[in-house]
Amino acid sequence: MCFHGFLRAADGVITTFDVPDAGTGPGQGTRAANINPSEAIAGRYIDSSDVSHDFLCAPNGTITTFDAPGAGTGPGQGNLDTAELENIDFRPGPIEERPHY
């Protein structure tokens, strides 16, 4: 099974997306992990060599990919620990003024 990212709008419309370099094999693909109120989506993707990478999808659909310094480049390597990425707070404003969801 290959994974795909998606965004569900308030009216129920679901838009799917894939990072361009995401693999299409079993366990590969795009995995969204976090979204902010502006609909910027952060997550990770597994490429066709089974290497993990991170991405940020802007509200306009522009996808930026990145790797942690020193991340491995072989199968099963890369940015495998998404816990830090999933906990990134993309909300604007000083921390003290941010609403809690």
C-alpha atoms as a PDB file:
ATOM      1  CA  MET A   1       0.000   0.000   0.000  1.00  0.00           C
ATOM      2  CA  CYS A   2       1.250   3.455  -0.940  1.00  0.00           C
ATOM      3  CA  PHE A   3       0.396   6.483   1.248  1.00  0.00           C
ATOM      4  CA  HIS A   4      -1.047   9.816   0.042  1.00  0.00           C
ATOM      5  CA  GLY A   5      -1.450  13.150   1.808  1.00  0.00           C
ATOM      6  CA  PHE A   6      -4.849  14.792   2.014  1.00  0.00           C
ATOM      7  CA  LEU A   7      -6.628  17.923   3.182  1.00  0.00           C
ATOM      8  CA  ARG A   8     -10.314  17.944   4.161  1.00  0.00           C
ATOM      9  CA  ALA A   9     -11.942  21.354   3.712  1.00  0.00           C
ATOM     10  CA  ALA A  10     -14.673  22.650   6.034  1.00  0.00           C
ATOM     11  CA  ASP A  11     -17.288  21.784   3.391  1.00  0.00           C
ATOM     12  CA  GLY A  12     -16.111  18.159   3.353  1.00  0.00           C
ATOM     13  CA  VAL A  13     -14.203  18.288   0.049  1.00  0.00           C
ATOM     14  CA  ILE A  14     -11.058  16.140   0.245  1.00  0.00           C
ATOM     15  CA  THR A  15      -7.990  17.094  -1.782  1.00  0.00           C
ATOM     16  CA  THR A  16      -5.198  14.526  -2.060  1.00  0.00           C
ATOM     17  CA  PHE A  17      -1.578  15.352  -2.787  1.00  0.00           C
ATOM     18  CA  ASP A  18       1.737  13.581  -3.214  1.00  0.00           C
ATOM     19  CA  VAL A  19       5.257  14.923  -2.830  1.00  0.00           C
ATOM     20  CA  PRO A  20       6.732  14.701  -6.362  1.00  0.00           C
ATOM     21  CA  ASP A  21       9.626  12.404  -5.315  1.00  0.00           C
ATOM     22  CA  ALA A  22       7.485  10.118  -3.129  1.00  0.00           C
ATOM     23  CA  GLY A  23       7.677   6.437  -3.989  1.00  0.00           C
ATOM     24  CA  THR A  24       4.663   4.427  -5.071  1.00  0.00           C
ATOM     25  CA  GLY A  25       5.616   1.029  -3.655  1.00  0.00           C
ATOM     26  CA  PRO A  26       4.417  -0.666  -0.462  1.00  0.00           C
ATOM     27  CA  GLY A  27       5.091   1.540   2.593  1.00  0.00           C
ATOM     28  CA  GLN A  28       6.214   4.435   0.415  1.00  0.00           C
ATOM     29  CA  GLY A  29       4.460   7.712  -0.353  1.00  0.00           C
ATOM     30  CA  THR A  30       3.355  10.910   1.386  1.00  0.00           C
ATOM     31  CA  ARG A  31       2.330  11.057   5.049  1.00  0.00           C
ATOM     32  CA  ALA A  32       0.901  14.317   6.382  1.00  0.00           C
ATOM     33  CA  ALA A  33       1.609  14.807  10.090  1.00  0.00           C
ATOM     34  CA  ASN A  34       0.566  18.335  11.059  1.00  0.00           C
ATOM     35  CA  ILE A  35      -1.540  21.218   9.740  1.00  0.00           C
ATOM     36  CA  ASN A  36      -1.865  24.784  10.954  1.00  0.00           C
ATOM     37  CA  PRO A  37      -4.880  27.131  10.768  1.00  0.00           C
ATOM     38  CA  SER A  38      -3.546  28.556   7.482  1.00  0.00           C
ATOM     39  CA  GLU A  39      -3.599  25.011   6.032  1.00  0.00           C
ATOM     40  CA  ALA A  40       0.191  24.622   5.740  1.00  0.00           C
ATOM     41  CA  ILE A  41       0.852  20.888   6.033  1.00  0.00           C
ATOM     42  CA  ALA A  42       4.040  19.294   7.372  1.00  0.00           C
ATOM     43  CA  GLY A  43       4.936  15.641   7.111  1.00  0.00           C
ATOM     44  CA  ARG A  44       7.300  13.118   5.658  1.00  0.00           C
ATOM     45  CA  TYR A  45       7.560  11.018   2.555  1.00  0.00           C
ATOM     46  CA  ILE A  46       9.329   7.795   1.658  1.00  0.00           C
ATOM     47  CA  ASP A  47      10.982   7.790  -1.760  1.00  0.00           C
ATOM     48  CA  SER A  48      11.334   4.868  -4.186  1.00  0.00           C
ATOM     49  CA  SER A  49      14.607   3.859  -2.451  1.00  0.00           C
ATOM     50  CA  ASP A  50      12.774   3.609   0.920  1.00  0.00           C
ATOM     51  CA  VAL A  51      14.551   6.700   2.271  1.00  0.00           C
ATOM     52  CA  SER A  52      12.541   9.047   4.513  1.00  0.00           C
ATOM     53  CA  HIS A  53      12.433  12.843   3.910  1.00  0.00           C
ATOM     54  CA  ASP A  54      10.411  15.753   5.357  1.00  0.00           C
ATOM     55  CA  PHE A  55       8.177  18.224   3.539  1.00  0.00           C
ATOM     56  CA  LEU A  56       6.140  21.368   4.023  1.00  0.00           C
ATOM     57  CA  CYS A  57       3.144  21.976   1.748  1.00  0.00           C
ATOM     58  CA  ALA A  58       2.156  25.661   1.661  1.00  0.00           C
ATOM     59  CA  PRO A  59      -1.528  26.646   1.439  1.00  0.00           C
ATOM     60  CA  ASN A  60      -1.015  27.460  -2.271  1.00  0.00           C
ATOM     61  CA  GLY A  61       0.183  23.881  -2.919  1.00  0.00           C
ATOM     62  CA  THR A  62       3.909  24.620  -3.157  1.00  0.00           C
ATOM     63  CA  ILE A  63       5.829  21.692  -1.647  1.00  0.00           C
ATOM     64  CA  THR A  64       9.263  22.192  -0.088  1.00  0.00           C
ATOM     65  CA  THR A  65      11.273  19.096   0.826  1.00  0.00           C
ATOM     66  CA  PHE A  66      14.164  18.928   3.261  1.00  0.00           C
ATOM     67  CA  ASP A  67      16.410  16.514   5.143  1.00  0.00           C
ATOM     68  CA  ALA A  68      17.897  16.766   8.605  1.00  0.00           C
ATOM     69  CA  PRO A  69      21.669  17.355   8.589  1.00  0.00           C
ATOM     70  CA  GLY A  70      23.410  13.996   8.631  1.00  0.00           C
ATOM     71  CA  ALA A  71      20.285  12.013   7.748  1.00  0.00           C
ATOM     72  CA  GLY A  72      21.088   8.701   6.100  1.00  0.00           C
ATOM     73  CA  THR A  73      20.522   8.156   2.405  1.00  0.00           C
ATOM     74  CA  GLY A  74      20.136   4.374   2.249  1.00  0.00           C
ATOM     75  CA  PRO A  75      17.010   2.209   2.486  1.00  0.00           C
ATOM     76  CA  GLY A  76      15.432   2.529   5.935  1.00  0.00           C
ATOM     77  CA  GLN A  77      17.420   5.686   6.668  1.00  0.00           C
ATOM     78  CA  GLY A  78      16.679   9.397   6.521  1.00  0.00           C
ATOM     79  CA  ASN A  79      14.352  11.396   8.736  1.00  0.00           C
ATOM     80  CA  LEU A  80      12.645   8.431  10.386  1.00  0.00           C
ATOM     81  CA  ASP A  81      11.712   9.995  13.732  1.00  0.00           C
ATOM     82  CA  THR A  82       8.717  12.189  12.897  1.00  0.00           C
ATOM     83  CA  ALA A  83       7.921  12.962  16.542  1.00  0.00           C
ATOM     84  CA  GLU A  84       9.764  16.280  16.353  1.00  0.00           C
ATOM     85  CA  LEU A  85       8.162  17.210  13.034  1.00  0.00           C
ATOM     86  CA  GLU A  86       4.712  16.338  14.308  1.00  0.00           C
ATOM     87  CA  ASN A  87       5.175  18.631  17.301  1.00  0.00           C
ATOM     88  CA  ILE A  88       6.233  21.719  15.346  1.00  0.00           C
ATOM     89  CA  ASP A  89       3.850  24.588  16.053  1.00  0.00           C
ATOM     90  CA  PHE A  90       3.184  26.511  12.837  1.00  0.00           C
ATOM     91  CA  ARG A  91       0.739  28.982  14.399  1.00  0.00           C
ATOM     92  CA  PRO A  92       1.712  32.681  14.172  1.00  0.00           C
ATOM     93  CA  GLY A  93       2.229  35.020  17.101  1.00  0.00           C
ATOM     94  CA  PRO A  94       4.137  34.919  20.362  1.00  0.00           C
ATOM     95  CA  ILE A  95       3.805  31.639  22.216  1.00  0.00           C
ATOM     96  CA  GLU A  96       1.993  33.333  25.115  1.00  0.00           C
ATOM     97  CA  GLU A  97      -0.756  34.584  22.766  1.00  0.00           C
ATOM     98  CA  ARG A  98      -1.349  31.415  20.766  1.00  0.00           C
ATOM     99  CA  PRO A  99      -4.663  29.670  21.224  1.00  0.00           C
ATOM    100  CA  HIS A 100      -4.411  26.067  22.339  1.00  0.00           C
ATOM    101  CA  TYR A 101      -6.162  23.464  20.182  1.00  0.00           C
END
